[in-house]
Amino acid sequence: MAGDAKKLQPIIIKRIKKGGHGHHGGAWKIAYADFVTAMMAFFLLMWLLGSTTEGDKKGIADYFQSPLKVALMGGSGSGDSSHVLKGGGQDLTRTTGQVKRGEVQAKRDTVNLHALKAEQVRAEVARLEDLKKKVEQKITESTKLAPMAGQLRLDMTRDGLRIQIADEQGRPMFASGSATVQPYMRELLREIGQVLAVVPNHLTLEGHTDAQPFSAGERGYSNWELSADRANASRRELVAGGLPDERVLRVQGLASSTLFDSGDPNSAANRRISIIVMNRDAEDRLFRTAPELAQTFAAEANAAEEAAASASSPQPAVR
């Protein structure tokens, strides 16, 4: 019976529930990230220090001690070494620096501006020489213009190719005392204008007369006005022959200031038209001189206005 009572006793199982810990948040993650970042920065610094030469280290130290001095004057160790050997040299036995090397010297291909300029001048001279031959060939091949070959003079000057058409005894270019172009002169100018139209150079036209004073016409009309009118009449014929009008940069009358035959001021050869096919240097001088002259005239005008204003202002009484 007693054994049966023991068998009938209930088995009690006690389950103990342990309380869980509270939520700690994510602050540890931020701290861990800061730690990893600091370690990466530390290892990066160690790597830089290990790969930097002694000369560079000294230059960095000098810069932080006196940055202005190193920046302006340089200093010991400032860029002394850009080489794997200590001291920056090629000799293994020397460690104190042999040659200062701020930058690695490399071969650089530079353009020789003088050689390029000379090549451009040679090419331009060759083009103008070819133009000279074309003009001469155009005159000699034409039966109408061939008789005027003696009046045509072509030469190379400092400003470019100069084409001069001069009067000849019994064959003047213009009517006497006027700017009316003779028919054969008109044909010659138009043929020259057709040849000049194929080159890109700009032109200067100059009119010349002999030294004989001009007495006919309006009062005050002299060889200066006559030479300018003849140069402008020649320009119109060149344009009629095909020359673009914008290619002409300057038309001027020089009267008898530049004689062709100085031994005989009244010679017919002094009455001429000069067509100058300008080279690049002549064009540059012209374009550079024009603004300078404008500035000079403006300065002189301002000075004159200031002088006039000061002269008209009342002066203080002197005791």
Protein backbone atom coordinates (compact mmCIF):
# COMPACT_ATOMS: atom_id res chain seq x y z
CA MET A 1 0.00 0.00 0.00
CA ALA A 2 2.77 2.28 0.90
CA GLY A 3 4.42 1.61 -2.38
CA ASP A 4 1.25 2.38 -4.24
CA ALA A 5 0.87 5.71 -2.44
CA LYS A 6 4.30 6.75 -3.55
CA LYS A 7 3.49 5.90 -7.11
CA LEU A 8 0.35 8.03 -7.03
CA GLN A 9 2.10 11.20 -5.83
CA PRO A 10 1.92 13.93 -8.53
CA ILE A 11 5.17 15.17 -10.14
CA ILE A 12 5.41 18.94 -9.90
CA ILE A 13 7.68 20.73 -12.46
CA LYS A 14 8.67 24.27 -11.53
CA ARG A 15 9.59 26.54 -14.46
CA ILE A 16 11.51 29.64 -13.48
CA LYS A 17 11.15 32.51 -15.89
CA LYS A 18 14.12 34.83 -15.87
CA GLY A 19 13.51 38.49 -16.59
CA GLY A 20 15.15 39.83 -19.83
CA HIS A 21 17.61 42.71 -19.91
CA GLY A 22 16.40 46.13 -21.03
CA HIS A 23 17.18 47.59 -24.51
CA HIS A 24 20.60 49.30 -24.50
CA GLY A 25 20.21 51.29 -27.77
CA GLY A 26 22.79 51.75 -30.65
CA ALA A 27 25.33 54.05 -29.00
CA TRP A 28 27.96 51.32 -29.12
CA LYS A 29 27.74 51.24 -32.90
CA ILE A 30 28.69 54.92 -33.14
CA ALA A 31 31.62 54.41 -30.79
CA TYR A 32 32.78 51.38 -32.77
CA ALA A 33 32.59 53.34 -36.04
CA ASP A 34 34.67 56.16 -34.54
CA PHE A 35 37.22 53.61 -33.37
CA VAL A 36 37.49 52.01 -36.82
CA THR A 37 37.85 55.43 -38.47
CA ALA A 38 40.58 56.42 -36.04
CA MET A 39 42.44 53.18 -36.71
CA MET A 40 42.20 53.71 -40.49
CA ALA A 41 43.54 57.24 -40.12
CA PHE A 42 46.36 55.96 -37.92
CA PHE A 43 47.41 53.27 -40.37
CA LEU A 44 47.18 55.77 -43.26
CA LEU A 45 49.43 58.19 -41.35
CA MET A 46 51.92 55.42 -40.63
CA TRP A 47 51.96 54.44 -44.31
CA LEU A 48 52.59 58.03 -45.39
CA LEU A 49 55.39 58.45 -42.89
CA GLY A 50 56.96 55.23 -44.05
CA SER A 51 56.85 56.16 -47.75
CA THR A 52 57.96 59.80 -47.35
CA THR A 53 61.65 60.59 -47.71
CA GLU A 54 63.63 62.42 -45.07
CA GLY A 55 63.97 65.51 -47.21
CA ASP A 56 60.21 65.80 -47.64
CA LYS A 57 59.65 65.31 -43.90
CA LYS A 58 62.14 68.08 -43.16
CA GLY A 59 60.47 70.36 -45.67
CA ILE A 60 57.02 69.73 -44.13
CA ALA A 61 58.37 70.40 -40.64
CA ASP A 62 60.02 73.64 -41.77
CA TYR A 63 56.81 74.76 -43.44
CA PHE A 64 54.74 74.38 -40.28
CA GLN A 65 57.41 76.16 -38.22
CA SER A 66 57.75 79.16 -40.59
CA PRO A 67 55.42 78.80 -43.59
CA LEU A 68 56.01 82.27 -45.03
CA LYS A 69 59.78 81.89 -45.04
CA VAL A 70 59.68 78.51 -46.76
CA ALA A 71 57.08 79.64 -49.28
CA LEU A 72 59.09 82.71 -50.33
CA MET A 73 62.71 81.70 -49.82
CA GLY A 74 62.69 77.93 -49.55
CA GLY A 75 64.45 76.12 -46.78
CA SER A 76 66.59 73.22 -45.83
CA GLY A 77 64.82 70.09 -46.87
CA SER A 78 62.13 71.98 -48.78
CA GLY A 79 61.77 69.77 -51.79
CA ASP A 80 65.34 68.49 -51.43
CA SER A 81 64.45 64.91 -52.15
CA SER A 82 62.15 63.34 -54.65
CA HIS A 83 64.23 60.21 -54.94
CA VAL A 84 64.01 56.86 -53.17
CA LEU A 85 67.59 57.25 -51.96
CA LYS A 86 68.16 59.23 -48.80
CA GLY A 87 69.38 62.68 -49.71
CA GLY A 88 67.72 62.64 -53.11
CA GLY A 89 70.85 61.96 -55.11
CA GLN A 90 72.16 59.17 -57.29
CA ASP A 91 75.16 58.31 -55.10
CA LEU A 92 74.49 55.57 -52.52
CA THR A 93 77.40 56.74 -50.34
CA ARG A 94 75.96 60.24 -49.74
CA THR A 95 72.94 60.83 -47.53
CA THR A 96 72.99 64.59 -46.93
CA GLY A 97 71.48 65.63 -50.23
CA GLN A 98 73.37 66.33 -53.42
CA VAL A 99 71.07 68.37 -55.67
CA LYS A 100 67.88 70.13 -54.68
CA ARG A 101 64.96 68.78 -56.64
CA GLY A 102 61.68 70.55 -56.14
CA GLU A 103 60.26 68.92 -59.26
CA VAL A 104 61.24 65.97 -61.37
CA GLN A 105 62.97 67.38 -64.41
CA ALA A 106 61.45 66.06 -67.62
CA LYS A 107 62.12 66.87 -71.22
CA ARG A 108 59.60 69.31 -72.63
CA ASP A 109 58.90 69.93 -76.28
CA THR A 110 58.69 73.69 -76.76
CA VAL A 111 57.62 75.51 -79.90
CA ASN A 112 60.31 77.77 -81.31
CA LEU A 113 58.32 80.94 -81.94
CA HIS A 114 61.14 82.57 -83.89
CA ALA A 115 61.41 79.62 -86.25
CA LEU A 116 57.63 79.59 -86.69
CA LYS A 117 57.64 83.32 -87.43
CA ALA A 118 60.45 82.92 -89.97
CA GLU A 119 58.56 80.09 -91.67
CA GLN A 120 55.45 82.26 -91.95
CA VAL A 121 57.49 85.10 -93.45
CA ARG A 122 59.06 82.76 -96.01
CA ALA A 123 55.66 81.40 -97.00
CA GLU A 124 54.24 84.92 -97.38
CA VAL A 125 57.20 86.12 -99.45
CA ALA A 126 56.79 83.09 -101.71
CA ARG A 127 53.08 83.87 -102.14
CA LEU A 128 53.82 87.51 -103.02
CA GLU A 129 56.54 86.48 -105.46
CA ASP A 130 54.03 84.17 -107.15
CA LEU A 131 51.56 87.07 -107.30
CA LYS A 132 54.22 89.25 -108.91
CA LYS A 133 54.77 86.66 -111.63
CA LYS A 134 51.03 86.38 -112.26
CA VAL A 135 50.67 90.15 -112.73
CA GLU A 136 53.63 90.27 -115.11
CA GLN A 137 52.27 87.29 -117.05
CA LYS A 138 48.83 88.90 -117.25
CA ILE A 139 50.30 92.05 -118.79
CA THR A 140 52.60 90.32 -121.27
CA GLU A 141 49.89 87.92 -122.51
CA SER A 142 47.39 90.71 -123.23
CA THR A 143 47.78 92.43 -126.56
CA LYS A 144 46.05 95.55 -125.25
CA LEU A 145 48.11 95.81 -122.04
CA ALA A 146 51.48 94.78 -123.42
CA PRO A 147 52.28 98.35 -124.62
CA MET A 148 51.89 99.50 -120.98
CA ALA A 149 54.47 97.05 -119.64
CA GLY A 150 57.07 99.83 -119.54
CA GLN A 151 54.86 101.87 -117.21
CA LEU A 152 54.51 99.00 -114.73
CA ARG A 153 57.10 98.48 -111.99
CA LEU A 154 56.89 95.65 -109.45
CA ASP A 155 59.23 95.26 -106.50
CA MET A 156 59.29 93.81 -102.99
CA THR A 157 59.39 96.33 -100.13
CA ARG A 158 59.32 96.19 -96.36
CA ASP A 159 55.52 96.43 -96.43
CA GLY A 160 54.97 93.82 -99.17
CA LEU A 161 54.62 93.73 -102.95
CA ARG A 162 54.49 97.18 -104.50
CA ILE A 163 52.88 97.62 -107.93
CA GLN A 164 53.59 101.06 -109.42
CA ILE A 165 51.92 102.39 -112.54
CA ALA A 166 53.66 105.54 -113.77
CA ASP A 167 52.92 108.08 -116.47
CA GLU A 168 54.83 107.84 -119.70
CA GLN A 169 55.48 110.61 -122.13
CA GLY A 170 52.51 110.65 -124.48
CA ARG A 171 50.60 108.03 -122.46
CA PRO A 172 49.26 109.58 -119.22
CA MET A 173 47.15 107.55 -116.79
CA PHE A 174 44.71 110.37 -116.13
CA ALA A 175 43.41 113.37 -117.97
CA SER A 176 45.57 116.42 -117.43
CA GLY A 177 44.83 118.13 -114.11
CA SER A 178 41.99 115.74 -113.16
CA ALA A 179 41.27 112.29 -111.71
CA THR A 180 39.50 111.00 -114.84
CA VAL A 181 40.96 107.59 -115.68
CA GLN A 182 42.06 106.99 -119.26
CA PRO A 183 40.43 103.96 -120.99
CA TYR A 184 43.66 101.92 -121.27
CA MET A 185 44.47 102.72 -117.62
CA ARG A 186 40.99 101.58 -116.61
CA GLU A 187 41.51 98.25 -118.37
CA LEU A 188 44.89 97.75 -116.73
CA LEU A 189 43.56 98.48 -113.23
CA ARG A 190 40.65 96.08 -113.68
CA GLU A 191 42.97 93.30 -114.81
CA ILE A 192 45.17 93.89 -111.75
CA GLY A 193 42.08 93.91 -109.51
CA GLN A 194 41.06 90.53 -110.91
CA VAL A 195 44.50 89.07 -110.08
CA LEU A 196 44.62 90.63 -106.59
CA ALA A 197 41.19 89.23 -105.73
CA VAL A 198 42.62 85.71 -105.30
CA VAL A 199 45.05 86.64 -102.48
CA PRO A 200 43.86 87.38 -98.92
CA ASN A 201 46.23 90.31 -98.29
CA HIS A 202 44.98 93.83 -97.69
CA LEU A 203 45.97 96.78 -99.88
CA THR A 204 47.18 100.33 -99.55
CA LEU A 205 46.77 102.78 -102.45
CA GLU A 206 48.95 105.86 -102.82
CA GLY A 207 48.66 108.67 -105.34
CA HIS A 208 51.74 110.69 -106.41
CA THR A 209 52.24 113.77 -108.54
CA ASP A 210 55.24 115.66 -109.82
CA ALA A 211 56.55 118.82 -108.16
CA GLN A 212 54.93 121.23 -110.61
CA PRO A 213 52.37 123.34 -108.68
CA PHE A 214 48.73 122.74 -109.55
CA SER A 215 47.18 126.04 -110.64
CA ALA A 216 43.90 125.07 -112.32
CA GLY A 217 40.57 124.24 -110.72
CA GLU A 218 39.06 125.49 -107.49
CA ARG A 219 40.87 127.73 -105.10
CA GLY A 220 42.84 125.71 -102.57
CA TYR A 221 42.82 122.58 -104.73
CA SER A 222 46.44 121.42 -104.93
CA ASN A 223 48.53 118.39 -105.76
CA TRP A 224 47.51 116.91 -102.41
CA GLU A 225 43.85 116.79 -103.35
CA LEU A 226 44.67 115.71 -106.89
CA SER A 227 46.85 112.78 -105.78
CA ALA A 228 44.21 111.64 -103.26
CA ASP A 229 41.44 111.82 -105.89
CA ARG A 230 43.51 109.81 -108.38
CA ALA A 231 44.26 107.14 -105.77
CA ASN A 232 40.57 106.85 -104.94
CA ALA A 233 39.64 106.67 -108.64
CA SER A 234 42.13 103.80 -109.00
CA ARG A 235 40.49 102.05 -106.05
CA ARG A 236 37.12 102.18 -107.78
CA GLU A 237 38.58 100.56 -110.91
CA LEU A 238 40.23 97.78 -108.88
CA VAL A 239 36.89 97.06 -107.18
CA ALA A 240 35.17 97.04 -110.57
CA GLY A 241 37.68 94.40 -111.66
CA GLY A 242 36.66 92.04 -108.85
CA LEU A 243 38.67 93.17 -105.82
CA PRO A 244 36.53 93.10 -102.62
CA ASP A 245 36.07 96.64 -101.33
CA GLU A 246 36.87 95.67 -97.72
CA ARG A 247 40.37 94.54 -98.73
CA VAL A 248 41.49 98.15 -99.18
CA LEU A 249 42.68 99.49 -95.82
CA ARG A 250 44.05 102.89 -96.77
CA VAL A 251 43.86 105.35 -99.67
CA GLN A 252 46.13 108.38 -99.44
CA GLY A 253 47.49 111.16 -101.57
CA LEU A 254 51.17 112.03 -101.14
CA ALA A 255 51.48 114.75 -103.81
CA SER A 256 55.21 115.20 -104.58
CA SER A 257 56.48 114.28 -101.10
CA THR A 258 57.91 110.94 -102.34
CA LEU A 259 59.47 111.42 -105.76
CA PHE A 260 60.43 108.45 -107.92
CA ASP A 261 62.92 110.51 -109.92
CA SER A 262 64.38 112.95 -107.41
CA GLY A 263 66.87 114.22 -110.01
CA ASP A 264 64.02 115.58 -112.11
CA PRO A 265 61.07 116.60 -109.85
CA ASN A 266 58.89 117.40 -112.88
CA SER A 267 59.51 114.06 -114.63
CA ALA A 268 56.48 112.10 -115.82
CA ALA A 269 57.70 109.07 -113.82
CA ASN A 270 56.84 110.93 -110.61
CA ARG A 271 53.15 110.92 -111.57
CA ARG A 272 52.18 107.42 -110.51
CA ILE A 273 49.83 105.17 -108.54
CA SER A 274 51.30 102.74 -106.00
CA ILE A 275 49.37 99.61 -105.04
CA ILE A 276 50.96 97.90 -102.04
CA VAL A 277 49.90 94.32 -101.30
CA MET A 278 50.58 94.38 -97.57
CA ASN A 279 52.29 91.57 -95.71
CA ARG A 280 51.34 90.50 -92.20
CA ASP A 281 53.87 92.77 -90.47
CA ALA A 282 52.58 95.84 -92.32
CA GLU A 283 48.98 94.97 -91.41
CA ASP A 284 49.94 94.48 -87.75
CA ARG A 285 51.72 97.83 -87.66
CA LEU A 286 48.71 99.57 -89.17
CA PHE A 287 46.18 97.97 -86.81
CA ARG A 288 48.43 98.57 -83.79
CA THR A 289 49.14 102.20 -84.66
CA ALA A 290 45.50 103.21 -85.17
CA PRO A 291 44.38 102.68 -81.51
CA GLU A 292 47.56 104.35 -80.24
CA LEU A 293 46.91 107.41 -82.37
CA ALA A 294 43.30 107.54 -81.17
CA GLN A 295 44.46 107.44 -77.54
CA THR A 296 47.04 110.15 -78.22
CA PHE A 297 44.47 112.43 -79.85
CA ALA A 298 42.04 111.85 -76.96
CA ALA A 299 44.72 112.68 -74.39
CA GLU A 300 45.69 115.85 -76.25
CA ALA A 301 42.03 116.91 -76.49
CA ASN A 302 41.50 116.35 -72.76
CA ALA A 303 44.65 118.32 -71.95
CA ALA A 304 43.46 121.18 -74.15
CA GLU A 305 40.03 121.21 -72.46
CA GLU A 306 41.62 121.24 -69.00
CA ALA A 307 43.94 124.08 -70.00
CA ALA A 308 41.02 126.10 -71.36
CA ALA A 309 38.98 125.48 -68.22
CA SER A 310 41.83 126.54 -65.94
CA ALA A 311 42.42 129.68 -68.00
CA SER A 312 38.76 130.71 -67.80
CA SER A 313 38.46 130.13 -64.03
CA PRO A 314 38.98 133.20 -61.82
CA GLN A 315 42.39 133.41 -60.17
CA PRO A 316 42.68 134.24 -56.45
CA ALA A 317 43.82 137.77 -55.57
CA VAL A 318 47.50 138.11 -54.71
CA ARG A 319 48.43 140.50 -51.95
